[in-house]
Amino acid sequence: MTRGVPMSANYQPLPTSEVLGKQRIVDPDLHPELTPEDPAIKIMRDFRETPPSTIRGDVSVSEARVVMKLADVPLKLVVNGSGEFVGIISLKDVLGKKALATAHAKGTSLDEVQVKDIMERPNQFPSIHVRHLANVRIGDVVETFNQAQTDHFLVFEDDENQPGRTRLRGLISSGLIARRLHIALESNARARTFSDIVHAVHGHFE
């Protein structure tokens, strides 16, 4: 038996109307205009809203290459057997010479190289607690990318299930910032730093 919703004299029926004719469907505002002055939280990929694409660290690079190409994803978060974040692997990593160089260094075949052997580890990326993002501008993240010479910025939050520890809340990508600021990056004539990009688009940045 289904339980009924308790009624109250304060509840009132909503005014409704008949829909006439064909109706357009609202498009989601997936790419609102952004500037370097906007809060950095607006550029974060929030894993509470969009689950990240993950791959096990013990998967072979050969398998990862196939999986990532079929899924058409530029990067995956690497997890261990417990599902914990241990690194990032990019399509560039699995398609490039990194795996071959690792196989040569280890004296093994290319098929024996695993994702965890060539991934970038968390300590290779700058990070920030999510509570600080409200006071950080996109331009500040841009300068962090410029100083750290990295493509990704990790965002953590407190883990309420494990007091004293944090967990990965989201990711900020330099490529996403470039796209959201409407900057065309040419492979042969690309700005060397994000500061160059901001200067080129906005004239100056302070």
N, C-alpha and C. Protein backbone atom coordinates (compact mmCIF):
# COMPACT_ATOMS: atom_id res chain seq x y z
N MET A 1 0.85 -1.20 0.00
CA MET A 1 0.00 0.00 0.00
C MET A 1 0.88 1.25 0.00
N THR A 2 0.57 2.17 -0.91
CA THR A 2 1.36 3.39 -1.02
C THR A 2 0.93 4.40 0.03
N ARG A 3 1.90 4.94 0.73
CA ARG A 3 1.58 5.94 1.74
C ARG A 3 1.23 7.26 1.07
N GLY A 4 0.18 7.88 1.55
CA GLY A 4 -0.21 9.16 1.00
C GLY A 4 0.62 10.29 1.58
N VAL A 5 0.70 11.38 0.84
CA VAL A 5 1.41 12.56 1.31
C VAL A 5 0.50 13.30 2.28
N PRO A 6 0.96 13.58 3.49
CA PRO A 6 0.11 14.29 4.45
C PRO A 6 -0.31 15.65 3.90
N MET A 7 -1.61 15.92 3.95
CA MET A 7 -2.13 17.16 3.41
C MET A 7 -2.20 18.23 4.51
N SER A 8 -2.16 19.46 4.07
CA SER A 8 -2.25 20.58 4.99
C SER A 8 -3.13 21.64 4.37
N ALA A 9 -3.79 22.40 5.21
CA ALA A 9 -4.65 23.47 4.72
C ALA A 9 -3.84 24.55 4.01
N ASN A 10 -2.50 24.53 4.20
CA ASN A 10 -1.65 25.55 3.58
C ASN A 10 -1.31 25.23 2.12
N TYR A 11 -1.56 23.97 1.69
CA TYR A 11 -1.26 23.60 0.31
C TYR A 11 -2.39 24.07 -0.60
N GLN A 12 -1.99 24.59 -1.77
CA GLN A 12 -2.97 25.07 -2.74
C GLN A 12 -2.65 24.49 -4.11
N PRO A 13 -3.66 24.14 -4.91
CA PRO A 13 -3.39 23.63 -6.26
C PRO A 13 -2.77 24.72 -7.13
N LEU A 14 -1.88 24.32 -8.01
CA LEU A 14 -1.21 25.27 -8.89
C LEU A 14 -2.11 25.67 -10.05
N PRO A 15 -2.03 26.91 -10.48
CA PRO A 15 -2.77 27.31 -11.68
C PRO A 15 -2.11 26.69 -12.90
N THR A 16 -2.86 26.02 -13.73
CA THR A 16 -2.32 25.37 -14.92
C THR A 16 -3.00 25.91 -16.16
N SER A 17 -2.39 25.63 -17.31
CA SER A 17 -2.97 26.09 -18.57
C SER A 17 -2.74 25.04 -19.64
N GLU A 18 -3.48 25.11 -20.70
CA GLU A 18 -3.35 24.16 -21.80
C GLU A 18 -2.23 24.62 -22.74
N VAL A 19 -1.38 23.69 -23.16
CA VAL A 19 -0.31 24.01 -24.09
C VAL A 19 -0.87 23.96 -25.51
N LEU A 20 -0.73 25.07 -26.22
CA LEU A 20 -1.26 25.16 -27.57
C LEU A 20 -0.14 25.20 -28.59
N GLY A 21 -0.23 24.38 -29.61
CA GLY A 21 0.74 24.41 -30.70
C GLY A 21 2.08 23.78 -30.33
N LYS A 22 3.00 23.87 -31.27
CA LYS A 22 4.33 23.32 -31.08
C LYS A 22 5.16 24.24 -30.19
N GLN A 23 6.03 23.65 -29.40
CA GLN A 23 6.84 24.42 -28.46
C GLN A 23 8.32 24.12 -28.68
N ARG A 24 9.13 25.16 -28.67
CA ARG A 24 10.57 24.97 -28.72
C ARG A 24 11.07 24.49 -27.37
N ILE A 25 12.15 23.72 -27.37
CA ILE A 25 12.75 23.23 -26.14
C ILE A 25 13.95 24.10 -25.81
N VAL A 26 14.04 24.52 -24.56
CA VAL A 26 15.13 25.39 -24.13
C VAL A 26 16.45 24.64 -24.21
N ASP A 27 17.45 25.29 -24.78
CA ASP A 27 18.79 24.72 -24.83
C ASP A 27 19.52 25.06 -23.54
N PRO A 28 20.25 24.10 -22.98
CA PRO A 28 21.03 24.41 -21.77
C PRO A 28 22.13 25.40 -22.08
N ASP A 29 22.37 26.29 -21.13
CA ASP A 29 23.43 27.29 -21.31
C ASP A 29 24.76 26.66 -20.89
N LEU A 30 25.30 25.82 -21.79
CA LEU A 30 26.50 25.06 -21.46
C LEU A 30 27.77 25.90 -21.54
N HIS A 31 27.72 26.98 -22.30
CA HIS A 31 28.94 27.76 -22.51
C HIS A 31 28.67 29.26 -22.31
N PRO A 32 28.32 29.65 -21.10
CA PRO A 32 28.13 31.08 -20.84
C PRO A 32 29.43 31.84 -21.00
N GLU A 33 29.29 33.12 -21.30
CA GLU A 33 30.48 33.96 -21.48
C GLU A 33 31.26 34.05 -20.17
N LEU A 34 32.56 33.90 -20.25
CA LEU A 34 33.41 34.00 -19.08
C LEU A 34 34.56 34.95 -19.36
N THR A 35 35.09 35.56 -18.30
CA THR A 35 36.26 36.43 -18.41
C THR A 35 37.24 36.04 -17.32
N PRO A 36 38.48 36.50 -17.40
CA PRO A 36 39.46 36.19 -16.34
C PRO A 36 39.04 36.70 -14.96
N GLU A 37 38.08 37.64 -14.91
CA GLU A 37 37.65 38.19 -13.63
C GLU A 37 36.58 37.35 -12.95
N ASP A 38 36.00 36.38 -13.64
CA ASP A 38 34.95 35.55 -13.07
C ASP A 38 35.50 34.60 -12.01
N PRO A 39 34.66 34.18 -11.04
CA PRO A 39 35.11 33.23 -10.02
C PRO A 39 35.59 31.92 -10.65
N ALA A 40 36.65 31.37 -10.12
CA ALA A 40 37.23 30.15 -10.68
C ALA A 40 36.28 28.96 -10.57
N ILE A 41 35.34 29.02 -9.62
CA ILE A 41 34.41 27.92 -9.44
C ILE A 41 33.60 27.68 -10.71
N LYS A 42 33.44 28.72 -11.53
CA LYS A 42 32.66 28.61 -12.76
C LYS A 42 33.35 27.78 -13.83
N ILE A 43 34.64 27.58 -13.69
CA ILE A 43 35.39 26.85 -14.70
C ILE A 43 35.75 25.44 -14.23
N MET A 44 35.36 25.11 -12.98
CA MET A 44 35.68 23.79 -12.44
C MET A 44 34.72 22.73 -12.97
N ARG A 45 35.26 21.59 -13.36
CA ARG A 45 34.41 20.44 -13.66
C ARG A 45 34.10 19.76 -12.33
N ASP A 46 32.86 19.89 -11.90
CA ASP A 46 32.44 19.42 -10.58
C ASP A 46 32.01 17.96 -10.67
N PHE A 47 32.73 17.08 -9.99
CA PHE A 47 32.42 15.66 -10.05
C PHE A 47 31.14 15.30 -9.30
N ARG A 48 30.59 16.24 -8.53
CA ARG A 48 29.28 16.02 -7.93
C ARG A 48 28.19 16.13 -8.99
N GLU A 49 28.47 16.88 -10.04
CA GLU A 49 27.49 17.08 -11.10
C GLU A 49 27.76 16.19 -12.31
N THR A 50 29.03 16.01 -12.65
CA THR A 50 29.42 15.20 -13.80
C THR A 50 30.47 14.19 -13.36
N PRO A 51 30.11 12.92 -13.24
CA PRO A 51 31.09 11.91 -12.81
C PRO A 51 32.26 11.85 -13.78
N PRO A 52 33.48 11.72 -13.27
CA PRO A 52 34.65 11.68 -14.15
C PRO A 52 34.79 10.33 -14.85
N SER A 53 35.50 10.34 -15.95
CA SER A 53 35.84 9.11 -16.65
C SER A 53 37.08 8.53 -15.98
N THR A 54 37.03 7.27 -15.57
CA THR A 54 38.14 6.67 -14.83
C THR A 54 38.66 5.41 -15.51
N ILE A 55 39.86 5.02 -15.11
CA ILE A 55 40.47 3.79 -15.61
C ILE A 55 41.38 3.23 -14.51
N ARG A 56 41.47 1.93 -14.44
CA ARG A 56 42.33 1.30 -13.43
C ARG A 56 43.79 1.47 -13.81
N GLY A 57 44.63 1.63 -12.79
CA GLY A 57 46.05 1.79 -13.03
C GLY A 57 46.73 0.55 -13.56
N ASP A 58 46.13 -0.64 -13.31
CA ASP A 58 46.74 -1.87 -13.77
C ASP A 58 46.30 -2.29 -15.17
N VAL A 59 45.56 -1.42 -15.85
CA VAL A 59 45.19 -1.68 -17.25
C VAL A 59 46.40 -1.41 -18.13
N SER A 60 46.59 -2.23 -19.15
CA SER A 60 47.73 -2.03 -20.04
C SER A 60 47.54 -0.76 -20.86
N VAL A 61 48.64 -0.15 -21.24
CA VAL A 61 48.58 1.06 -22.05
C VAL A 61 47.92 0.76 -23.40
N SER A 62 48.16 -0.43 -23.93
CA SER A 62 47.56 -0.82 -25.21
C SER A 62 46.04 -0.83 -25.10
N GLU A 63 45.52 -1.38 -24.01
CA GLU A 63 44.07 -1.41 -23.80
C GLU A 63 43.53 -0.01 -23.56
N ALA A 64 44.27 0.78 -22.78
CA ALA A 64 43.84 2.15 -22.50
C ALA A 64 43.75 2.96 -23.78
N ARG A 65 44.67 2.73 -24.68
CA ARG A 65 44.68 3.45 -25.96
C ARG A 65 43.39 3.18 -26.72
N VAL A 66 42.98 1.92 -26.78
CA VAL A 66 41.77 1.55 -27.50
C VAL A 66 40.54 2.13 -26.82
N VAL A 67 40.47 1.98 -25.50
CA VAL A 67 39.32 2.47 -24.73
C VAL A 67 39.15 3.97 -24.87
N MET A 68 40.24 4.71 -24.77
CA MET A 68 40.16 6.16 -24.81
C MET A 68 39.83 6.67 -26.20
N LYS A 69 40.34 6.00 -27.22
CA LYS A 69 40.03 6.42 -28.59
C LYS A 69 38.57 6.14 -28.92
N LEU A 70 38.06 4.98 -28.48
CA LEU A 70 36.66 4.65 -28.75
C LEU A 70 35.72 5.59 -28.00
N ALA A 71 36.08 5.93 -26.77
CA ALA A 71 35.24 6.82 -25.96
C ALA A 71 35.43 8.29 -26.33
N ASP A 72 36.47 8.57 -27.11
CA ASP A 72 36.79 9.94 -27.54
C ASP A 72 36.93 10.87 -26.33
N VAL A 73 37.73 10.43 -25.37
CA VAL A 73 38.00 11.26 -24.19
C VAL A 73 39.48 11.63 -24.17
N PRO A 74 39.81 12.89 -23.87
CA PRO A 74 41.21 13.32 -23.88
C PRO A 74 42.00 12.89 -22.66
N LEU A 75 41.29 12.58 -21.57
CA LEU A 75 41.99 12.14 -20.36
C LEU A 75 41.07 11.32 -19.47
N LYS A 76 41.68 10.53 -18.60
CA LYS A 76 40.94 9.76 -17.61
C LYS A 76 41.63 9.88 -16.26
N LEU A 77 40.84 9.87 -15.21
CA LEU A 77 41.40 9.78 -13.88
C LEU A 77 41.79 8.33 -13.63
N VAL A 78 42.96 8.12 -13.07
CA VAL A 78 43.43 6.77 -12.78
C VAL A 78 43.07 6.42 -11.34
N VAL A 79 42.50 5.23 -11.14
CA VAL A 79 42.12 4.79 -9.80
C VAL A 79 42.78 3.46 -9.48
N ASN A 80 42.95 3.19 -8.19
CA ASN A 80 43.49 1.90 -7.78
C ASN A 80 42.35 0.91 -7.57
N GLY A 81 42.67 -0.26 -7.02
CA GLY A 81 41.66 -1.28 -6.82
C GLY A 81 40.56 -0.88 -5.86
N SER A 82 40.82 0.11 -5.02
CA SER A 82 39.82 0.60 -4.06
C SER A 82 39.02 1.78 -4.59
N GLY A 83 39.30 2.15 -5.84
CA GLY A 83 38.58 3.28 -6.44
C GLY A 83 39.13 4.63 -6.04
N GLU A 84 40.32 4.66 -5.44
CA GLU A 84 40.92 5.93 -5.02
C GLU A 84 41.71 6.56 -6.16
N PHE A 85 41.66 7.87 -6.22
CA PHE A 85 42.37 8.62 -7.25
C PHE A 85 43.87 8.55 -7.03
N VAL A 86 44.59 8.10 -8.07
CA VAL A 86 46.05 7.97 -7.94
C VAL A 86 46.80 8.68 -9.07
N GLY A 87 46.08 9.25 -10.05
CA GLY A 87 46.78 9.93 -11.12
C GLY A 87 45.88 10.30 -12.28
N ILE A 88 46.49 10.85 -13.32
CA ILE A 88 45.78 11.24 -14.53
C ILE A 88 46.54 10.69 -15.73
N ILE A 89 45.81 10.14 -16.68
CA ILE A 89 46.41 9.66 -17.92
C ILE A 89 45.72 10.38 -19.08
N SER A 90 46.48 10.85 -20.04
CA SER A 90 45.90 11.55 -21.18
C SER A 90 46.04 10.70 -22.44
N LEU A 91 45.22 11.00 -23.42
CA LEU A 91 45.31 10.30 -24.69
C LEU A 91 46.67 10.54 -25.32
N LYS A 92 47.20 11.73 -25.11
CA LYS A 92 48.54 12.05 -25.61
C LYS A 92 49.58 11.12 -25.00
N ASP A 93 49.42 10.79 -23.72
CA ASP A 93 50.35 9.89 -23.04
C ASP A 93 50.35 8.50 -23.68
N VAL A 94 49.15 7.97 -23.93
CA VAL A 94 49.06 6.59 -24.43
C VAL A 94 49.36 6.49 -25.92
N LEU A 95 49.27 7.61 -26.63
CA LEU A 95 49.56 7.59 -28.06
C LEU A 95 51.00 7.98 -28.37
N GLY A 96 51.67 8.61 -27.41
CA GLY A 96 53.02 9.12 -27.65
C GLY A 96 54.13 8.14 -27.35
N LYS A 97 55.32 8.71 -27.17
CA LYS A 97 56.53 7.90 -26.97
C LYS A 97 56.78 7.54 -25.51
N LYS A 98 55.94 8.06 -24.63
CA LYS A 98 56.15 7.84 -23.20
C LYS A 98 56.12 6.36 -22.83
N ALA A 99 55.14 5.64 -23.38
CA ALA A 99 55.01 4.22 -23.08
C ALA A 99 56.20 3.44 -23.64
N LEU A 100 56.62 3.78 -24.84
CA LEU A 100 57.76 3.10 -25.47
C LEU A 100 59.03 3.33 -24.66
N ALA A 101 59.24 4.56 -24.20
CA ALA A 101 60.42 4.88 -23.40
C ALA A 101 60.39 4.14 -22.07
N THR A 102 59.19 4.00 -21.49
CA THR A 102 59.05 3.28 -20.23
C THR A 102 59.36 1.80 -20.41
N ALA A 103 58.86 1.22 -21.49
CA ALA A 103 59.14 -0.19 -21.77
C ALA A 103 60.63 -0.42 -21.94
N HIS A 104 61.29 0.49 -22.64
CA HIS A 104 62.73 0.38 -22.86
C HIS A 104 63.49 0.48 -21.53
N ALA A 105 63.07 1.43 -20.68
CA ALA A 105 63.74 1.63 -19.40
C ALA A 105 63.57 0.43 -18.47
N LYS A 106 62.40 -0.21 -18.55
CA LYS A 106 62.12 -1.36 -17.67
C LYS A 106 62.60 -2.68 -18.27
N GLY A 107 63.00 -2.64 -19.53
CA GLY A 107 63.44 -3.86 -20.19
C GLY A 107 62.31 -4.84 -20.45
N THR A 108 61.10 -4.31 -20.71
CA THR A 108 59.93 -5.15 -20.97
C THR A 108 59.34 -4.81 -22.32
N SER A 109 58.35 -5.59 -22.74
CA SER A 109 57.67 -5.30 -23.99
C SER A 109 56.65 -4.18 -23.77
N LEU A 110 56.24 -3.55 -24.84
CA LEU A 110 55.28 -2.45 -24.76
C LEU A 110 53.95 -2.93 -24.17
N ASP A 111 53.58 -4.18 -24.46
CA ASP A 111 52.31 -4.72 -23.97
C ASP A 111 52.28 -4.86 -22.45
N GLU A 112 53.44 -4.87 -21.82
CA GLU A 112 53.51 -5.04 -20.36
C GLU A 112 53.48 -3.71 -19.61
N VAL A 113 53.55 -2.62 -20.33
CA VAL A 113 53.49 -1.30 -19.69
C VAL A 113 52.05 -1.00 -19.30
N GLN A 114 51.86 -0.60 -18.05
CA GLN A 114 50.53 -0.31 -17.54
C GLN A 114 50.31 1.19 -17.39
N VAL A 115 49.04 1.55 -17.26
CA VAL A 115 48.67 2.96 -17.11
C VAL A 115 49.42 3.60 -15.94
N LYS A 116 49.53 2.90 -14.83
CA LYS A 116 50.19 3.47 -13.65
C LYS A 116 51.67 3.74 -13.87
N ASP A 117 52.25 3.11 -14.91
CA ASP A 117 53.67 3.32 -15.20
C ASP A 117 53.94 4.66 -15.87
N ILE A 118 52.94 5.20 -16.57
CA ILE A 118 53.16 6.43 -17.33
C ILE A 118 52.23 7.57 -16.92
N MET A 119 51.34 7.31 -15.97
CA MET A 119 50.40 8.37 -15.55
C MET A 119 51.15 9.48 -14.82
N GLU A 120 50.50 10.64 -14.75
CA GLU A 120 51.01 11.74 -13.94
C GLU A 120 50.35 11.64 -12.56
N ARG A 121 51.16 11.72 -11.53
CA ARG A 121 50.66 11.52 -10.17
C ARG A 121 50.10 12.82 -9.57
N PRO A 122 49.23 12.70 -8.57
CA PRO A 122 48.58 13.89 -8.00
C PRO A 122 49.54 14.98 -7.56
N ASN A 123 50.73 14.59 -7.04
CA ASN A 123 51.66 15.62 -6.55
C ASN A 123 52.34 16.39 -7.67
N GLN A 124 52.03 16.04 -8.92
CA GLN A 124 52.58 16.77 -10.06
C GLN A 124 51.68 17.93 -10.48
N PHE A 125 50.52 18.04 -9.84
CA PHE A 125 49.56 19.08 -10.21
C PHE A 125 49.34 20.05 -9.06
N PRO A 126 49.12 21.33 -9.37
CA PRO A 126 48.72 22.27 -8.32
C PRO A 126 47.32 21.91 -7.86
N SER A 127 47.00 22.21 -6.60
CA SER A 127 45.67 21.89 -6.09
C SER A 127 45.19 22.98 -5.15
N ILE A 128 43.88 22.98 -4.90
CA ILE A 128 43.28 23.96 -4.02
C ILE A 128 42.04 23.34 -3.39
N HIS A 129 41.70 23.80 -2.19
CA HIS A 129 40.47 23.34 -1.54
C HIS A 129 39.30 24.08 -2.16
N VAL A 130 38.19 23.38 -2.36
CA VAL A 130 37.04 23.97 -3.04
C VAL A 130 36.52 25.21 -2.32
N ARG A 131 36.68 25.28 -1.00
CA ARG A 131 36.15 26.45 -0.27
C ARG A 131 36.87 27.74 -0.64
N HIS A 132 38.07 27.62 -1.20
CA HIS A 132 38.83 28.81 -1.56
C HIS A 132 38.51 29.32 -2.97
N LEU A 133 37.80 28.51 -3.76
CA LEU A 133 37.56 28.91 -5.14
C LEU A 133 36.65 30.13 -5.27
N ALA A 134 35.79 30.34 -4.29
CA ALA A 134 34.89 31.50 -4.35
C ALA A 134 35.66 32.81 -4.34
N ASN A 135 36.85 32.79 -3.77
CA ASN A 135 37.67 34.00 -3.69
C ASN A 135 38.81 34.01 -4.70
N VAL A 136 38.77 33.07 -5.64
CA VAL A 136 39.81 32.96 -6.66
C VAL A 136 39.20 33.26 -8.02
N ARG A 137 39.89 34.06 -8.83
CA ARG A 137 39.41 34.38 -10.17
C ARG A 137 39.99 33.41 -11.19
N ILE A 138 39.32 33.31 -12.32
CA ILE A 138 39.84 32.47 -13.40
C ILE A 138 41.23 32.93 -13.78
N GLY A 139 41.46 34.23 -13.76
CA GLY A 139 42.78 34.76 -14.09
C GLY A 139 43.85 34.28 -13.13
N ASP A 140 43.48 34.09 -11.85
CA ASP A 140 44.44 33.56 -10.88
C ASP A 140 44.83 32.13 -11.22
N VAL A 141 43.84 31.35 -11.67
CA VAL A 141 44.12 29.98 -12.09
C VAL A 141 45.01 29.98 -13.33
N VAL A 142 44.74 30.92 -14.22
CA VAL A 142 45.56 31.08 -15.42
C VAL A 142 47.02 31.28 -15.04
N GLU A 143 47.27 32.17 -14.09
CA GLU A 143 48.64 32.43 -13.66
C GLU A 143 49.26 31.22 -12.98
N THR A 144 48.43 30.44 -12.29
CA THR A 144 48.93 29.22 -11.66
C THR A 144 49.36 28.22 -12.72
N PHE A 145 48.56 28.09 -13.77
CA PHE A 145 48.94 27.22 -14.88
C PHE A 145 50.27 27.69 -15.48
N ASN A 146 50.41 28.99 -15.63
CA ASN A 146 51.61 29.55 -16.23
C ASN A 146 52.85 29.24 -15.39
N GLN A 147 52.72 29.39 -14.08
CA GLN A 147 53.85 29.16 -13.19
C GLN A 147 54.18 27.67 -13.05
N ALA A 148 53.15 26.84 -12.99
CA ALA A 148 53.36 25.41 -12.74
C ALA A 148 53.64 24.63 -14.02
N GLN A 149 53.34 25.24 -15.18
CA GLN A 149 53.53 24.57 -16.46
C GLN A 149 52.82 23.22 -16.48
N THR A 150 51.55 23.25 -16.15
CA THR A 150 50.73 22.04 -16.13
C THR A 150 49.42 22.32 -16.84
N ASP A 151 48.71 21.26 -17.20
CA ASP A 151 47.45 21.41 -17.91
C ASP A 151 46.23 21.22 -17.03
N HIS A 152 46.44 20.79 -15.78
CA HIS A 152 45.31 20.48 -14.91
C HIS A 152 45.51 21.02 -13.50
N PHE A 153 44.40 21.37 -12.89
CA PHE A 153 44.38 21.96 -11.56
C PHE A 153 43.40 21.13 -10.74
N LEU A 154 43.85 20.51 -9.66
CA LEU A 154 43.01 19.64 -8.85
C LEU A 154 42.28 20.42 -7.77
N VAL A 155 41.01 20.08 -7.56
CA VAL A 155 40.20 20.73 -6.53
C VAL A 155 39.75 19.66 -5.53
N PHE A 156 40.07 19.88 -4.26
CA PHE A 156 39.72 18.92 -3.22
C PHE A 156 38.68 19.48 -2.26
N GLU A 157 38.03 18.58 -1.53
CA GLU A 157 37.11 18.96 -0.46
C GLU A 157 37.34 18.04 0.73
N ASP A 158 36.85 18.43 1.90
CA ASP A 158 36.97 17.58 3.08
C ASP A 158 36.13 16.32 2.89
N ASP A 159 36.65 15.19 3.32
CA ASP A 159 35.93 13.92 3.25
C ASP A 159 35.21 13.70 4.57
N GLU A 160 33.89 13.88 4.56
CA GLU A 160 33.14 13.76 5.82
C GLU A 160 33.14 12.33 6.36
N ASN A 161 33.43 11.36 5.49
CA ASN A 161 33.47 9.97 5.94
C ASN A 161 34.81 9.60 6.57
N GLN A 162 35.83 10.40 6.30
CA GLN A 162 37.16 10.16 6.87
C GLN A 162 37.72 11.48 7.38
N PRO A 163 37.38 11.85 8.61
CA PRO A 163 37.83 13.13 9.17
C PRO A 163 39.34 13.30 9.07
N GLY A 164 39.73 14.51 8.69
CA GLY A 164 41.15 14.80 8.55
C GLY A 164 41.70 14.52 7.17
N ARG A 165 40.87 13.92 6.30
CA ARG A 165 41.33 13.62 4.95
C ARG A 165 40.50 14.39 3.93
N THR A 166 41.02 14.49 2.73
CA THR A 166 40.30 15.16 1.65
C THR A 166 40.02 14.16 0.52
N ARG A 167 39.17 14.57 -0.39
CA ARG A 167 38.88 13.77 -1.57
C ARG A 167 38.77 14.69 -2.78
N LEU A 168 38.97 14.13 -3.95
CA LEU A 168 38.96 14.93 -5.17
C LEU A 168 37.54 15.34 -5.52
N ARG A 169 37.32 16.65 -5.58
CA ARG A 169 35.98 17.19 -5.86
C ARG A 169 35.82 17.54 -7.33
N GLY A 170 36.92 18.01 -7.95
CA GLY A 170 36.78 18.44 -9.33
C GLY A 170 38.12 18.68 -9.99
N LEU A 171 38.04 19.18 -11.20
CA LEU A 171 39.24 19.38 -12.02
C LEU A 171 39.06 20.65 -12.85
N ILE A 172 40.11 21.42 -12.97
CA ILE A 172 40.11 22.58 -13.86
C ILE A 172 41.14 22.32 -14.94
N SER A 173 40.72 22.44 -16.19
CA SER A 173 41.59 22.14 -17.32
C SER A 173 41.99 23.41 -18.05
N SER A 174 43.27 23.51 -18.40
CA SER A 174 43.74 24.68 -19.14
C SER A 174 43.07 24.74 -20.51
N GLY A 175 42.84 23.58 -21.12
CA GLY A 175 42.19 23.55 -22.42
C GLY A 175 40.77 24.07 -22.35
N LEU A 176 40.06 23.72 -21.26
CA LEU A 176 38.69 24.19 -21.09
C LEU A 176 38.66 25.69 -20.90
N ILE A 177 39.61 26.22 -20.13
CA ILE A 177 39.68 27.67 -19.94
C ILE A 177 39.88 28.36 -21.28
N ALA A 178 40.78 27.83 -22.09
CA ALA A 178 41.04 28.43 -23.40
C ALA A 178 39.78 28.45 -24.26
N ARG A 179 39.03 27.34 -24.23
CA ARG A 179 37.80 27.28 -25.04
C ARG A 179 36.73 28.21 -24.49
N ARG A 180 36.59 28.25 -23.17
CA ARG A 180 35.53 29.07 -22.59
C ARG A 180 35.82 30.56 -22.68
N LEU A 181 37.10 30.91 -22.84
CA LEU A 181 37.45 32.31 -23.07
C LEU A 181 37.47 32.64 -24.56
N HIS A 182 37.02 31.65 -25.36
CA HIS A 182 36.89 31.84 -26.81
C HIS A 182 38.22 32.19 -27.47
N ILE A 183 39.22 31.38 -27.16
CA ILE A 183 40.55 31.59 -27.72
C ILE A 183 40.86 30.46 -28.69
N ALA A 184 41.24 30.80 -29.91
CA ALA A 184 41.64 29.80 -30.89
C ALA A 184 43.12 29.54 -30.75
N LEU A 185 43.47 28.30 -30.46
CA LEU A 185 44.88 27.93 -30.31
C LEU A 185 45.36 27.21 -31.56
N GLU A 186 46.31 27.80 -32.24
CA GLU A 186 46.88 27.19 -33.43
C GLU A 186 48.15 26.42 -33.05
N SER A 187 48.28 25.21 -33.58
CA SER A 187 49.41 24.36 -33.21
C SER A 187 50.75 24.96 -33.60
N ASN A 188 50.80 25.74 -34.67
CA ASN A 188 52.07 26.30 -35.13
C ASN A 188 52.31 27.73 -34.66
N ALA A 189 51.27 28.36 -34.16
CA ALA A 189 51.41 29.76 -33.72
C ALA A 189 50.70 29.94 -32.40
N ARG A 190 51.03 29.10 -31.46
CA ARG A 190 50.35 29.07 -30.17
C ARG A 190 51.09 29.92 -29.14
N ALA A 191 50.33 30.64 -28.33
CA ALA A 191 50.95 31.41 -27.26
C ALA A 191 51.68 30.47 -26.32
N ARG A 192 52.86 30.86 -25.90
CA ARG A 192 53.67 29.96 -25.08
C ARG A 192 53.17 29.86 -23.65
N THR A 193 52.50 30.87 -23.16
CA THR A 193 51.99 30.83 -21.79
C THR A 193 50.57 31.37 -21.77
N PHE A 194 49.86 31.07 -20.68
CA PHE A 194 48.51 31.58 -20.57
C PHE A 194 48.49 33.09 -20.40
N SER A 195 49.55 33.65 -19.87
CA SER A 195 49.63 35.11 -19.77
C SER A 195 49.62 35.71 -21.17
N ASP A 196 50.36 35.10 -22.09
CA ASP A 196 50.37 35.57 -23.47
C ASP A 196 48.97 35.53 -24.06
N ILE A 197 48.23 34.46 -23.75
CA ILE A 197 46.89 34.31 -24.29
C ILE A 197 45.98 35.43 -23.78
N VAL A 198 46.03 35.66 -22.47
CA VAL A 198 45.17 36.69 -21.89
C VAL A 198 45.52 38.06 -22.44
N HIS A 199 46.82 38.35 -22.58
CA HIS A 199 47.23 39.63 -23.16
C HIS A 199 46.74 39.75 -24.59
N ALA A 200 46.82 38.68 -25.34
CA ALA A 200 46.43 38.71 -26.74
C ALA A 200 44.94 38.96 -26.91
N VAL A 201 44.13 38.40 -25.99
CA VAL A 201 42.68 38.53 -26.12
C VAL A 201 42.15 39.80 -25.49
N HIS A 202 42.67 40.14 -24.32
CA HIS A 202 42.11 41.26 -23.56
C HIS A 202 42.97 42.52 -23.58
N GLY A 203 44.09 42.48 -24.26
CA GLY A 203 44.94 43.65 -24.34
C GLY A 203 45.87 43.75 -23.16
N HIS A 204 45.36 43.58 -21.95
CA HIS A 204 46.20 43.56 -20.75
C HIS A 204 45.44 42.85 -19.66
N PHE A 205 46.16 42.38 -18.68
CA PHE A 205 45.53 41.69 -17.56
C PHE A 205 46.30 42.05 -16.30
N GLU A 206 45.57 42.52 -15.31
CA GLU A 206 46.22 42.93 -14.07
C GLU A 206 45.72 42.07 -12.93
